[in-house]
């Protein structure tokens, strides 16, 4: 739903998103396999630490003004693809907070405006999550009632946020990131 919402507003970077997704798919399969037998206490500690680091990193980096998205993408494309392999591992393993990590990479490393970065993020997450989900289904690790409810809520929220945020400044989007992560 979010991918459609962003696309309807002209915020779609399919080619770059596709490359990032391919890399993240490989990582997410590895991450999902790790998550199957990982101790829950350690999982919670890792999640807490990463969430704090990622949210702080969004605000510590100065906002860059970039008019030509493609110049920055070409320069950092290979490094971004490598980083998204590790994003995929994290996403397949923990998933919670992966959007913050993706936004940090795309906005800070690639210099992409947060509204455009969000459109790339939702595409990549949709693609790699499908593959991680298959692993969890094969291992019978899905709570279908909770998963369906979460999916419906995420779909509605994704559609609304994608339609609303397409022309908002990074400052406004950062405020909503802090509110939603609290």
Protein backbone atom coordinates (compact mmCIF):
# COMPACT_ATOMS: atom_id res chain seq x y z
CA UNK A 1 0.00 0.00 0.00
CA UNK A 2 2.80 2.42 0.84
CA UNK A 3 4.64 1.58 -2.39
CA UNK A 4 1.46 2.38 -4.34
CA UNK A 5 0.92 5.56 -2.35
CA UNK A 6 4.42 6.85 -3.06
CA UNK A 7 4.22 5.82 -6.71
CA UNK A 8 0.93 7.69 -7.12
CA UNK A 9 2.74 10.82 -5.91
CA UNK A 10 5.63 10.36 -8.33
CA UNK A 11 8.10 9.18 -5.68
CA UNK A 12 9.45 6.01 -7.21
CA UNK A 13 13.05 5.06 -7.88
CA UNK A 14 12.43 1.55 -9.19
CA UNK A 15 15.83 0.72 -10.67
CA UNK A 16 17.83 1.74 -7.60
CA UNK A 17 15.22 0.17 -5.29
CA UNK A 18 15.47 -3.06 -7.27
CA UNK A 19 19.24 -3.32 -6.84
CA UNK A 20 18.97 -2.62 -3.13
CA UNK A 21 16.16 -5.18 -2.84
CA UNK A 22 18.18 -7.95 -4.48
CA UNK A 23 21.00 -7.42 -2.03
CA UNK A 24 18.59 -7.20 0.92
CA UNK A 25 16.83 -10.44 -0.12
CA UNK A 26 20.05 -12.42 0.24
CA UNK A 27 20.72 -10.83 3.61
CA UNK A 28 17.15 -11.32 4.85
CA UNK A 29 17.23 -15.05 4.15
CA UNK A 30 20.42 -15.30 6.22
CA UNK A 31 18.93 -13.12 8.97
CA UNK A 32 15.70 -15.14 9.11
CA UNK A 33 17.66 -18.38 9.43
CA UNK A 34 19.64 -16.86 12.34
CA UNK A 35 16.43 -15.66 14.05
CA UNK A 36 14.84 -19.11 14.08
CA UNK A 37 16.97 -20.35 17.01
CA UNK A 38 18.23 -17.09 18.56
CA UNK A 39 17.77 -16.55 22.36
CA UNK A 40 14.97 -14.04 23.06
CA UNK A 41 16.81 -12.19 25.86
CA UNK A 42 19.81 -11.46 23.66
CA UNK A 43 17.47 -10.49 20.83
CA UNK A 44 15.78 -7.82 23.00
CA UNK A 45 19.11 -6.35 24.13
CA UNK A 46 20.40 -6.09 20.56
CA UNK A 47 17.14 -4.52 19.40
CA UNK A 48 17.19 -1.87 22.15
CA UNK A 49 20.77 -0.86 21.44
CA UNK A 50 20.29 -0.65 17.68
CA UNK A 51 17.08 1.40 17.99
CA UNK A 52 18.86 3.99 20.15
CA UNK A 53 21.85 4.23 17.81
CA UNK A 54 19.76 4.51 14.66
CA UNK A 55 17.34 7.14 15.96
CA UNK A 56 20.28 9.23 17.22
CA UNK A 57 22.08 8.95 13.87
CA UNK A 58 19.11 10.42 12.02
CA UNK A 59 19.47 13.63 14.01
CA UNK A 60 23.25 13.86 14.32
CA UNK A 61 23.98 14.15 10.60
CA UNK A 62 23.44 17.55 9.00
CA UNK A 63 20.78 17.60 6.32
CA UNK A 64 22.30 17.79 2.84
CA UNK A 65 20.72 19.78 0.03
CA UNK A 66 21.02 17.73 -3.16
CA UNK A 67 19.26 18.66 -6.35
CA UNK A 68 20.45 15.78 -8.52
CA UNK A 69 19.56 12.44 -6.94
CA UNK A 70 21.17 10.41 -9.72
CA UNK A 71 24.65 11.92 -9.21
CA UNK A 72 24.76 10.72 -5.62
CA UNK A 73 23.19 7.35 -6.43
CA UNK A 74 25.72 6.52 -9.13
CA UNK A 75 28.64 7.51 -6.91
CA UNK A 76 27.53 5.33 -3.99
CA UNK A 77 25.58 2.59 -5.76
CA UNK A 78 27.93 -0.33 -5.09
CA UNK A 79 28.51 0.63 -1.48
CA UNK A 80 24.77 1.06 -0.98
CA UNK A 81 24.12 -2.39 -2.40
CA UNK A 82 26.66 -3.86 0.03
CA UNK A 83 25.14 -1.95 2.97
CA UNK A 84 21.69 -3.23 2.02
CA UNK A 85 22.95 -6.81 2.23
CA UNK A 86 23.61 -6.11 5.92
CA UNK A 87 20.31 -4.25 6.22
CA UNK A 88 18.69 -7.43 4.86
CA UNK A 89 20.42 -9.59 7.47
CA UNK A 90 19.20 -7.28 10.22
CA UNK A 91 15.73 -7.07 8.67
CA UNK A 92 15.38 -10.83 8.33
CA UNK A 93 16.72 -11.31 11.85
CA UNK A 94 15.04 -8.55 13.92
CA UNK A 95 13.14 -6.36 11.43
CA UNK A 96 11.98 -3.93 14.14
CA UNK A 97 13.49 -0.54 13.42
CA UNK A 98 14.85 -1.54 10.01
CA UNK A 99 13.13 1.47 8.48
CA UNK A 100 15.27 3.77 10.63
CA UNK A 101 18.41 2.01 9.45
CA UNK A 102 17.35 2.27 5.81
CA UNK A 103 16.46 5.95 6.17
CA UNK A 104 19.81 6.59 7.83
CA UNK A 105 21.70 4.96 4.96
CA UNK A 106 19.67 6.62 2.21
CA UNK A 107 19.52 10.09 3.73
CA UNK A 108 22.97 10.30 5.31
CA UNK A 109 25.06 8.19 2.94
CA UNK A 110 23.23 8.80 -0.33
CA UNK A 111 21.94 12.28 0.49
CA UNK A 112 18.39 11.41 -0.50
CA UNK A 113 15.56 13.55 0.84
CA UNK A 114 13.54 11.66 3.47
CA UNK A 115 10.31 11.59 1.43
CA UNK A 116 12.16 9.93 -1.50
CA UNK A 117 14.12 7.70 0.92
CA UNK A 118 10.82 6.53 2.41
CA UNK A 119 9.57 5.49 -1.03
CA UNK A 120 12.72 3.41 -1.58
CA UNK A 121 12.50 2.01 1.95
CA UNK A 122 8.96 0.68 1.63
CA UNK A 123 9.76 -0.99 -1.69
CA UNK A 124 12.90 -2.70 -0.37
CA UNK A 125 11.22 -3.78 2.87
CA UNK A 126 8.25 -5.21 0.99
CA UNK A 127 10.50 -7.27 -1.28
CA UNK A 128 12.93 -8.68 1.28
CA UNK A 129 10.21 -9.26 3.92
CA UNK A 130 8.41 -11.55 1.49
CA UNK A 131 11.46 -13.82 1.40
CA UNK A 132 12.01 -13.72 5.17
CA UNK A 133 8.31 -14.49 5.65
CA UNK A 134 8.66 -17.61 3.50
CA UNK A 135 11.47 -18.83 5.79
CA UNK A 136 9.33 -18.23 8.90
CA UNK A 137 6.32 -19.96 7.31
CA UNK A 138 8.45 -23.00 6.43
CA UNK A 139 9.65 -23.14 10.05
CA UNK A 140 6.08 -22.69 11.40
CA UNK A 141 7.09 -19.52 13.29
CA UNK A 142 4.12 -17.30 12.35
CA UNK A 143 1.37 -16.15 14.69
CA UNK A 144 -1.22 -15.66 11.95
CA UNK A 145 -3.77 -13.70 14.02
CA UNK A 146 -1.22 -11.13 15.19
CA UNK A 147 0.48 -11.08 11.78
CA UNK A 148 -2.71 -10.36 9.87
CA UNK A 149 -3.72 -7.61 12.31
CA UNK A 150 -0.26 -6.07 12.08
CA UNK A 151 -0.36 -6.32 8.29
CA UNK A 152 -3.72 -4.57 8.04
CA UNK A 153 -2.57 -1.78 10.38
CA UNK A 154 0.71 -1.35 8.51
CA UNK A 155 -1.12 -1.25 5.18
CA UNK A 156 -3.50 1.47 6.30
CA UNK A 157 -0.71 3.47 7.97
CA UNK A 158 1.60 3.03 4.97
CA UNK A 159 -1.01 4.29 2.53
CA UNK A 160 -1.88 7.34 4.65
CA UNK A 161 1.75 8.23 5.44
CA UNK A 162 2.94 7.81 1.86
CA UNK A 163 0.24 10.08 0.50
CA UNK A 164 0.78 12.68 3.25
CA UNK A 165 4.60 12.80 3.35
CA UNK A 166 5.47 13.15 -0.34
CA UNK A 167 5.97 16.91 -0.21
CA UNK A 168 6.92 17.43 3.43
CA UNK A 169 10.30 18.74 4.55
CA UNK A 170 12.86 16.49 6.21
CA UNK A 171 12.39 18.46 9.44
CA UNK A 172 8.67 17.62 9.59
CA UNK A 173 9.31 13.97 8.70
CA UNK A 174 11.99 13.71 11.43
CA UNK A 175 9.47 14.94 14.01
CA UNK A 176 7.06 12.19 12.99
CA UNK A 177 9.87 9.61 13.09
CA UNK A 178 10.58 10.53 16.71
CA UNK A 179 6.88 10.41 17.61
CA UNK A 180 6.36 7.04 15.94
CA UNK A 181 9.44 5.49 17.54
CA UNK A 182 8.47 6.59 21.06
